[in-house]
């Protein structure tokens, strides 16, 4: 049990340490470590199991510099890969810390590792020159100090702490002085007066030793020439001058003015200024000094990011023989200005991004830096445009570009994201980096038809394979996700219209799977099928597939392929007055045969003698019938109603008209070409009482199939029946007339369900309604389930009652209107007379006019088919 708990405790301790450390691992390694040296067990410290470093591609991402370390793929350990030189990596900066980013995949995570390279004493102190020549007047007093340029050590800390020793000499010693400047001042001190005649030249060795273990050292030879005479050197009013200079200072800017005085007289007090030494030596062309005034001016450009401090050693030399000199130091501190824009790098990019990617998905890793310091080097970042991406700060100068909102490839297929960085300077400087993020498609859109319901018109008797319409569904997805195939899903027709059984829509029509072309499989027959409703399905090729449906309403447009058929009279018995229904004897064909009617001499004009009835199996215009008197032509005693088929007297009948009139009546429809049927009517002219008896007798003879010779008792019985029938019809006519006069003007006779209101002008209009058909019998005989809506009937002008033929209004509108039409089939333009007035009084000598139109709207329903 103890063995098992040990690793668990170590993992828990490691996780706690990781949480306390803020998610950062720190290692240290001495410089000049050999290649292959293990710095730390990185995979184990990151909490990865054995085998995970290689499986999840554990790797380092360096930030703009050579890391000199790498991750071992098998073990996940951080090892030295090349020479580590702290002085090359960090210079004099302490501590020398390398910030590394460690990436693992599946899922993508970033860890930050700080590697500190510790210093070892691998650099000896180095003087600027191996030999230094000095000239010292023999009159120099003991205690006089002569500045020397100290040695430099590239190491840091104790390894760079230098101590100086001078070779044994009774005249000279070495002295170090700590001033308020950054570096120590080194002086050669005269401990005993000089005697040029005894020793004109002194040769000494100056040794500099560092504080490392073991200690390293460097030497410089001092050659001291003892001068005679001028025994007072120039003296500066201060030993150190401190100057602050902005890095954007222009050339010619006055840096400082130094002043040295010499107590000697004459030429020995004339002082000449010069720059003795300069640190760093590479800045020799940055400053200049006026040898007479001591003004130091700027002759080159400053760069805070390259050099922050300059040490100028100024020498003032008199003109004595030998000349004497005084020294001071000018320390120039460069003040940073905001002259460096931020820099943005993309260290990792994971594209394309699926449009169903979850919010928070990491798209890219970025690194941001600014070479300036302080507020000028503090950088803030933002993403433009604002959505759907955002930045998350993961470490100092490191950001993750993450998904903030859901993506939709159909709306935006690719994003051009700009990461903008701005520093805190005044004025601020900006930089940007563009990142292109394409979005990959997923099947998240179903095909959609342009219309939910398509209305298609097709003429009957069309050819098999004829194209009816083209359907199109749009799928905004791409490739296979947007490739659509079509099929007939469901629908059909049943009952009497389909021959008594159910027939699916696929037996009538088919749709092309690729193009959506709808075509007929067989010729359509309006008398068999008027409306076919079915669904068309569009399915894409995505995974899983998505689909959309549309309803297709196929209306079969009638063709004039049926001729009118004459119908026998509805029943026998004379009408009111002296007229009655015509008698009819069947013939060989439909509607063929002879018609007989009787009219009384002296009957007034307008007396209805007979009524011809016919029906057309077609619909609409093709079934609208008109009756014409073919023979006799000219001004005969009879006329026929243009649309009612009523045969009436055109004038009062006279004996001169003869005992019998033969009329040939042609029944035509309004189709193109028009079809017709012919009826022959024989009208016998008799006395008034004989006309009623003759009508009764002929009707009885026609219905029983016996000859006309009947007994007188039968005639009396039929006479009583005829009188009762005439009285009943007269009473019914009065009731209907009163109802028509007092009924509302917009009354509609129809079955249950919504009606269609047609507003028309005086030119008339016609419309085919998609709503449910209503059946209404306005005359005896068979009706059909067709709905025809005409313009209202305007009352005729005065004097027009004797004319059966009325002027025809303008042509029918040839655009079929409905909620949605994929194909519009224009109907032929044909004259469309006003609908004839209905016979509100049947059989009498007078006929009441129907109510006039109200406004411009009216309802007229024409229905045929057996009631």
Foldseek 3Di string as FASTA:
>chain_A
DVVVCVVVVVLVVLVVVCVVVVQEAEWEDAFQDDFFAFGFQQCVSVPHDQPQQLVFVKWKFFDPDDPQWIADNRRRTITGHDGGDQCVQPFADPFRKGWIWIWTPPPTDIGIYIYTHDYALPWAWADPDQEAEAEAALLEDFFDKDWDGGTATRTDDQSGAKDKFKDDDPFWGKDWDDDPDPDIIIIIGGHDGDDCVVPQKDKMKMKIWGRHVVIHIDIHIYIYGYFYDDHWAWEWPDFEAEFEAEQADDFFAWTDWTDTFTPDDDQQGQKFKFFDAKPPNVCPQQWGAHRRGRTITGRDGGDCLVDFKMKTKMWIWTRDGVIHIDIHIYIYGYDYALPWAKDKDWRAADDAAALADDFFRFGTKMFIFTSTDDQSTAKDKFKPPNPQWTWDDDDVRMITITGRDGGDCLVPQKDWMKMKMWTRHVVIHIDIDTDIHGYAYALPWAWAWPDQEAEWEAEFPDAAFDWTFATDTATSTDDQSTQKFKWFDWWWDADQLQPHGTDTCVQFWTAGGRGRTIGGRHGHDCLSDAKTKTKMKIWTRHVVIHIDIHIYIYGYAYALPWAKFWDADPAAFAAAFQAREWHWADDDDGNDTATEWEDEAFQAFQFFHYATDIFTSIDDQSTQKFKAWPPPDDDDQWGAFGRGRTITGLGGHDCVNDQKDKIKMWMWGRGVVIHIDIYIYMYGYHHRVVRRLVRQQSRVCRVVVDDSDDDPVVSVVSVVVNVVNNVVLVVQLVVLVVCLVPPDQADDDWDDDDDDKDFDDPLKAWAADPDFFTADDLDDAFWARGWIWMWWDADDDPPCPSPSDDDFGFWYFQFHDDDHHSDTDGDDTDTDRDDDFRQSRPRDSDGDGGDGHDRRIYGDTGTGGHD
